[in-house]
């Protein structure tokens, strides 16, 4: 699709679709999933992220259709946890990414972003006198309180957040459900970040990982969405805990209108206006060459250019 303005808006899409043990190929102008149950068409034009689990195969034609419709594909592990690889977003402009990088590289502006992020988590103003370490402590207490409250409401025992990636079955049901629920949320946040043209790797509170910014954004919603859904899934005691957790999350994302909130929240955190219909800047003609960088002080930036006459001292040294 050449005109990116024709793409569905992120907030109007479905949240996520998880698929495993089947084949995905092109179906008319969309895609379809083939498994032992038959053929299931998938409205890729209105899907935010496809989470492809074990045993999934996908054709080149299907990937092209997905990319043309600005949907994100993530290859994930069993139960939809552990992201192994992901596609790229639909915007071809780097303006949002450059803005994000400028914020992250300026310590003062980065702290401002961190404080806005904590304000989005707390859903209240942040005391400017609090240090970042104190804000982290407050956030930790808030999350622990949420775990304790949900344990009391659902009567599901809770000790601590604990899981072993190498031994999935060793975790208790609520910890397994938390991993599944958070993975679904990460997928949606990842898709939103890419749709806006930002980098999932340039985080502000989290740092050093390829999904640092994904973790930053997902933390806005965990106490409201994934933690409660995980406890309710564990309470149900259904044998297929992963599937029941994903269904609860899907319904919760829809009821809380997550997709309508996440883009404005990202913009607010990064100090960008949340108003307007345009979600990202696009290139009207992607075939045109990129613009050339100019130093801030003018075309030469005060530096010696290639082919310029050498200063007297340099000329004599070079000739000697």
Protein backbone atom coordinates (compact mmCIF):
# COMPACT_ATOMS: atom_id res chain seq x y z
CA UNK A 1 0.00 0.00 0.00
CA UNK A 2 1.69 3.21 -1.18
CA UNK A 3 -0.55 5.71 0.60
CA UNK A 4 -0.09 5.04 4.29
CA UNK A 5 -2.93 7.43 5.15
CA UNK A 6 -5.30 4.72 3.90
CA UNK A 7 -4.18 2.32 6.64
CA UNK A 8 -6.64 1.65 9.47
CA UNK A 9 -5.92 3.67 12.58
CA UNK A 10 -4.29 1.74 15.40
CA UNK A 11 -7.12 2.50 17.81
CA UNK A 12 -9.71 1.04 15.44
CA UNK A 13 -8.02 -2.37 15.23
CA UNK A 14 -8.51 -5.64 17.07
CA UNK A 15 -5.99 -6.10 19.86
CA UNK A 16 -4.23 -9.37 19.04
CA UNK A 17 -4.65 -12.82 17.51
CA UNK A 18 -2.67 -15.81 18.78
CA UNK A 19 -2.13 -18.74 16.40
CA UNK A 20 -0.28 -22.04 16.71
CA UNK A 21 -0.06 -25.43 15.01
CA UNK A 22 -1.21 -24.36 11.58
CA UNK A 23 -0.42 -22.61 8.31
CA UNK A 24 -1.08 -19.00 7.35
CA UNK A 25 -1.40 -18.02 3.72
CA UNK A 26 -2.98 -15.35 1.57
CA UNK A 27 -6.76 -15.58 1.26
CA UNK A 28 -8.37 -13.25 -1.29
CA UNK A 29 -7.19 -9.79 -0.13
CA UNK A 30 -6.54 -10.89 3.44
CA UNK A 31 -5.03 -13.98 5.06
CA UNK A 32 -6.39 -17.23 6.43
CA UNK A 33 -5.29 -19.75 9.06
CA UNK A 34 -5.39 -23.45 8.14
CA UNK A 35 -5.38 -26.06 10.90
CA UNK A 36 -7.09 -29.33 11.71
CA UNK A 37 -10.29 -27.42 12.43
CA UNK A 38 -10.50 -26.00 8.91
CA UNK A 39 -9.89 -22.58 7.39
CA UNK A 40 -10.33 -19.38 9.43
CA UNK A 41 -10.15 -16.02 7.59
CA UNK A 42 -8.31 -13.31 9.53
CA UNK A 43 -9.19 -9.61 8.97
CA UNK A 44 -5.57 -8.54 8.89
CA UNK A 45 -6.44 -4.96 7.88
CA UNK A 46 -8.04 -4.48 11.29
CA UNK A 47 -5.64 -6.57 13.39
CA UNK A 48 -2.97 -4.97 15.56
CA UNK A 49 -0.61 -7.88 16.15
CA UNK A 50 -0.42 -11.54 15.16
CA UNK A 51 1.30 -13.71 17.76
CA UNK A 52 2.62 -16.82 16.03
CA UNK A 53 3.21 -19.71 18.39
CA UNK A 54 4.96 -23.07 17.92
CA UNK A 55 4.12 -25.11 14.84
CA UNK A 56 3.08 -22.10 12.79
CA UNK A 57 4.10 -21.69 9.15
CA UNK A 58 3.50 -18.60 7.07
CA UNK A 59 3.90 -17.93 3.35
CA UNK A 60 5.71 -15.06 1.70
CA UNK A 61 2.45 -13.82 0.15
CA UNK A 62 0.78 -13.72 3.57
CA UNK A 63 3.68 -11.76 5.06
CA UNK A 64 3.48 -9.25 2.22
CA UNK A 65 -0.26 -8.77 2.82
CA UNK A 66 0.32 -8.33 6.56
CA UNK A 67 3.05 -5.75 5.97
CA UNK A 68 0.90 -3.83 3.49
CA UNK A 69 -1.82 -3.56 6.15
CA UNK A 70 0.55 -2.34 8.88
CA UNK A 71 -0.06 -5.28 11.20
CA UNK A 72 2.79 -6.49 13.39
CA UNK A 73 3.88 -10.14 13.39
CA UNK A 74 5.66 -11.60 16.41
CA UNK A 75 7.09 -15.09 16.61
CA UNK A 76 6.56 -16.18 20.20
CA UNK A 77 7.14 -19.24 22.32
CA UNK A 78 4.65 -21.68 23.76
CA UNK A 79 1.73 -20.08 25.61
CA UNK A 80 2.52 -16.84 23.73
CA UNK A 81 5.44 -16.02 26.02
CA UNK A 82 8.99 -15.10 24.93
CA UNK A 83 9.21 -12.99 21.80
CA UNK A 84 11.80 -14.44 19.42
CA UNK A 85 11.42 -12.05 16.49
CA UNK A 86 9.11 -9.36 15.17
CA UNK A 87 8.34 -7.47 11.99
CA UNK A 88 8.51 -3.75 11.41
CA UNK A 89 5.93 -0.98 11.53
CA UNK A 90 4.28 0.76 8.62
CA UNK A 91 5.62 4.27 8.98
CA UNK A 92 8.65 5.11 6.83
CA UNK A 93 9.48 8.37 8.59
CA UNK A 94 12.17 8.56 11.27
CA UNK A 95 10.94 11.81 12.87
CA UNK A 96 9.35 10.06 15.87
CA UNK A 97 12.42 7.90 16.42
CA UNK A 98 14.73 10.92 16.30
CA UNK A 99 12.52 12.70 18.86
CA UNK A 100 12.62 9.64 21.13
CA UNK A 101 16.40 9.34 20.82
CA UNK A 102 16.88 13.05 21.60
CA UNK A 103 14.84 12.67 24.80
CA UNK A 104 16.72 9.56 25.89
CA UNK A 105 20.15 11.13 25.30
CA UNK A 106 19.44 14.29 27.31
CA UNK A 107 19.49 13.42 31.06
CA UNK A 108 17.26 16.34 32.05
CA UNK A 109 14.62 15.62 29.40
CA UNK A 110 14.82 11.90 30.12
CA UNK A 111 13.98 12.50 33.78
CA UNK A 112 10.97 14.55 32.66
CA UNK A 113 9.78 11.59 30.56
CA UNK A 114 10.30 9.21 33.48
CA UNK A 115 8.20 11.42 35.75
CA UNK A 116 5.42 11.59 33.15
CA UNK A 117 5.54 7.79 32.89
CA UNK A 118 5.17 7.38 36.63
CA UNK A 119 2.28 9.85 36.55
CA UNK A 120 0.58 7.65 33.94
CA UNK A 121 1.16 4.60 36.15
CA UNK A 122 -0.07 6.24 39.35
CA UNK A 123 -2.93 8.09 37.58
CA UNK A 124 -2.10 11.12 39.72
CA UNK A 125 0.41 13.95 39.81
CA UNK A 126 3.94 13.09 40.90
CA UNK A 127 5.49 15.05 43.74
CA UNK A 128 8.42 16.94 42.13
CA UNK A 129 10.37 16.56 45.37
CA UNK A 130 10.52 12.76 45.00
CA UNK A 131 13.70 11.30 43.54
CA UNK A 132 13.66 8.63 40.84
CA UNK A 133 14.67 6.06 43.47
CA UNK A 134 11.72 7.10 45.66
CA UNK A 135 9.37 6.86 42.68
CA UNK A 136 10.63 3.33 42.03
CA UNK A 137 9.92 2.45 45.65
CA UNK A 138 6.42 3.88 45.39
CA UNK A 139 5.82 1.92 42.19
CA UNK A 140 7.02 -1.30 43.82
CA UNK A 141 4.66 -0.81 46.74
CA UNK A 142 1.77 -0.11 44.34
CA UNK A 143 2.36 -3.33 42.38
CA UNK A 144 2.76 -5.45 45.54
CA UNK A 145 -0.47 -3.99 46.86
CA UNK A 146 -2.23 -4.95 43.64
CA UNK A 147 -1.00 -8.54 43.90
CA UNK A 148 -2.18 -8.76 47.51
CA UNK A 149 -5.55 -7.22 46.71
CA UNK A 150 -6.23 -9.57 43.78
CA UNK A 151 -5.17 -12.56 45.88
CA UNK A 152 -7.69 -11.51 48.52
CA UNK A 153 -10.49 -10.90 46.00
CA UNK A 154 -10.00 -14.15 44.06
CA UNK A 155 -8.77 -16.27 46.99
CA UNK A 156 -5.86 -17.41 44.85
CA UNK A 157 -2.72 -17.90 47.01
CA UNK A 158 0.11 -15.50 46.22
CA UNK A 159 3.68 -15.42 47.48
CA UNK A 160 5.81 -13.63 44.89
CA UNK A 161 6.42 -13.15 41.18
CA UNK A 162 8.48 -16.14 40.14
CA UNK A 163 8.94 -18.19 36.98
CA UNK A 164 11.67 -20.16 35.27
CA UNK A 165 11.81 -19.84 31.48
CA UNK A 166 13.53 -23.21 31.27
CA UNK A 167 10.91 -24.97 33.39
CA UNK A 168 7.47 -23.54 32.64
CA UNK A 169 5.54 -26.16 34.63
CA UNK A 170 7.46 -25.36 37.83
CA UNK A 171 5.59 -22.05 38.21
CA UNK A 172 2.25 -21.94 39.99
CA UNK A 173 -0.88 -21.21 37.89
CA UNK A 174 -1.08 -17.52 38.72
CA UNK A 175 2.56 -16.94 37.76
CA UNK A 176 2.01 -18.82 34.51
CA UNK A 177 -1.07 -16.73 33.80
CA UNK A 178 0.83 -13.53 34.54
CA UNK A 179 3.49 -14.47 31.99
CA UNK A 180 0.85 -15.17 29.33
CA UNK A 181 -1.13 -12.00 30.08
CA UNK A 182 1.95 -9.78 30.06
CA UNK A 183 3.11 -11.32 26.79
CA UNK A 184 -0.20 -10.37 25.14
CA UNK A 185 0.09 -6.84 26.50
CA UNK A 186 3.68 -6.57 25.30
CA UNK A 187 2.58 -7.56 21.81
CA UNK A 188 -0.06 -4.83 21.66
CA UNK A 189 2.32 -2.20 23.08
CA UNK A 190 5.03 -3.28 20.65
CA UNK A 191 2.62 -2.85 17.73
CA UNK A 192 1.57 0.60 18.95
CA UNK A 193 5.18 1.75 19.33
CA UNK A 194 6.09 0.62 15.81
CA UNK A 195 2.92 2.09 14.31
CA UNK A 196 3.94 5.49 15.66
CA UNK A 197 7.48 5.15 14.33
CA UNK A 198 9.26 4.83 17.69
CA UNK A 199 11.91 2.27 18.64
CA UNK A 200 10.96 -0.52 21.06
CA UNK A 201 14.60 -0.59 22.25
CA UNK A 202 14.99 3.01 23.47
CA UNK A 203 13.47 2.89 26.92
CA UNK A 204 13.43 5.49 29.67
CA UNK A 205 12.72 3.63 32.91
CA UNK A 206 13.84 0.29 31.49
CA UNK A 207 17.06 0.19 29.52
CA UNK A 208 19.50 -2.17 27.86
CA UNK A 209 17.02 -4.52 26.16
CA UNK A 210 15.57 -4.61 22.66
CA UNK A 211 12.07 -4.22 24.18
CA UNK A 212 12.88 -1.66 26.90
CA UNK A 213 10.35 0.89 25.65
CA UNK A 214 7.72 -1.86 25.31
CA UNK A 215 8.16 -2.64 29.02
CA UNK A 216 7.92 1.07 29.86
CA UNK A 217 4.58 1.42 28.08
CA UNK A 218 3.12 -1.89 29.22
CA UNK A 219 3.65 -0.92 32.86
CA UNK A 220 1.00 1.79 32.44
CA UNK A 221 -1.66 -0.92 32.33
CA UNK A 222 -0.52 -4.01 34.25
CA UNK A 223 -2.24 -3.31 37.56
CA UNK A 224 -5.46 -2.49 35.72
CA UNK A 225 -5.44 -5.31 33.18
CA UNK A 226 -2.97 -8.16 33.20
CA UNK A 227 -2.61 -8.72 36.94
CA UNK A 228 -6.39 -8.97 37.57
CA UNK A 229 -6.91 -11.15 34.47
CA UNK A 230 -4.13 -13.52 35.54
CA UNK A 231 -5.65 -14.02 38.99
CA UNK A 232 -9.12 -14.59 37.53
CA UNK A 233 -7.70 -17.09 35.03
CA UNK A 234 -5.95 -18.97 37.85
CA UNK A 235 -9.19 -18.94 39.86
CA UNK A 236 -11.12 -20.55 36.98
CA UNK A 237 -8.76 -23.51 37.10
CA UNK A 238 -9.30 -24.36 33.43
CA UNK A 239 -6.87 -26.95 32.11
CA UNK A 240 -5.78 -24.80 29.16
CA UNK A 241 -4.65 -21.90 31.31
CA UNK A 242 -2.84 -20.12 28.47
CA UNK A 243 -5.91 -19.98 26.25
CA UNK A 244 -8.26 -18.87 29.03
CA UNK A 245 -5.82 -16.11 30.02
CA UNK A 246 -5.54 -14.86 26.44
CA UNK A 247 -9.33 -14.77 26.07
CA UNK A 248 -9.72 -12.84 29.33
CA UNK A 249 -7.06 -10.36 28.22
CA UNK A 250 -8.62 -9.93 24.79
CA UNK A 251 -11.99 -9.12 26.36
CA UNK A 252 -10.41 -6.81 28.95
CA UNK A 253 -8.46 -4.92 26.29
CA UNK A 254 -11.68 -4.36 24.39
CA UNK A 255 -13.83 -3.36 27.40
CA UNK A 256 -11.25 -0.89 28.70
CA UNK A 257 -10.73 0.53 25.19
CA UNK A 258 -6.99 -0.05 25.50
CA UNK A 259 -6.25 0.62 21.84
CA UNK A 260 -7.90 4.04 22.05
CA UNK A 261 -5.78 4.95 25.07
CA UNK A 262 -2.36 3.59 24.27
CA UNK A 263 -1.38 5.96 21.43
CA UNK A 264 -2.31 9.16 23.36
CA UNK A 265 -0.54 7.77 26.44
CA UNK A 266 2.68 7.20 24.50
CA UNK A 267 2.47 10.68 23.04
CA UNK A 268 1.85 12.19 26.48
CA UNK A 269 4.79 10.33 27.99
CA UNK A 270 7.10 11.66 25.28
CA UNK A 271 5.75 15.18 25.46
CA UNK A 272 3.96 15.07 22.12
CA UNK A 273 0.45 16.33 21.44
CA UNK A 274 -2.16 13.57 21.62
CA UNK A 275 -4.53 15.53 19.42
CA UNK A 276 -5.16 15.05 15.74
CA UNK A 277 -6.02 12.13 13.50
CA UNK A 278 -2.54 11.49 12.13
CA UNK A 279 -0.77 8.84 14.18
CA UNK A 280 2.59 9.14 12.49
CA UNK A 281 4.36 11.15 9.86
CA UNK A 282 4.51 9.37 6.53
CA UNK A 283 6.45 9.72 3.32
CA UNK A 284 4.16 10.54 0.43
CA UNK A 285 6.61 9.01 -2.02
CA UNK A 286 8.69 6.26 -0.38
CA UNK A 287 10.78 5.93 -3.54
CA UNK A 288 12.29 9.40 -3.14
CA UNK A 289 15.83 9.55 -1.74
CA UNK A 290 16.22 10.45 1.92
CA UNK A 291 17.04 13.99 3.00
CA UNK A 292 20.65 14.88 3.78
CA UNK A 293 21.77 15.90 7.26
CA UNK A 294 23.07 19.41 7.81
CA UNK A 295 25.16 20.49 10.83
CA UNK A 296 23.27 22.86 13.15
CA UNK A 297 25.68 25.76 12.48
CA UNK A 298 25.21 25.79 8.73
CA UNK A 299 26.22 23.70 5.73
CA UNK A 300 29.85 23.34 6.84
CA UNK A 301 29.23 23.44 10.59
CA UNK A 302 32.48 25.33 11.01
CA UNK A 303 34.45 22.25 9.93
CA UNK A 304 36.88 21.75 7.06
CA UNK A 305 35.04 20.34 4.05
CA UNK A 306 36.37 17.84 1.55
CA UNK A 307 37.97 19.66 -1.35
CA UNK A 308 38.29 22.96 0.55
CA UNK A 309 41.71 24.70 0.41
CA UNK A 310 43.90 23.66 3.29
CA UNK A 311 44.84 26.30 5.89
CA UNK A 312 48.42 27.55 5.54
CA UNK A 313 49.76 25.49 8.45
CA UNK A 314 48.06 22.32 7.29
CA UNK A 315 49.16 22.88 3.68
CA UNK A 316 52.79 23.20 4.63
CA UNK A 317 52.63 20.11 6.81
CA UNK A 318 50.95 18.08 4.09
CA UNK A 319 53.43 19.24 1.48
CA UNK A 320 56.35 18.45 3.74
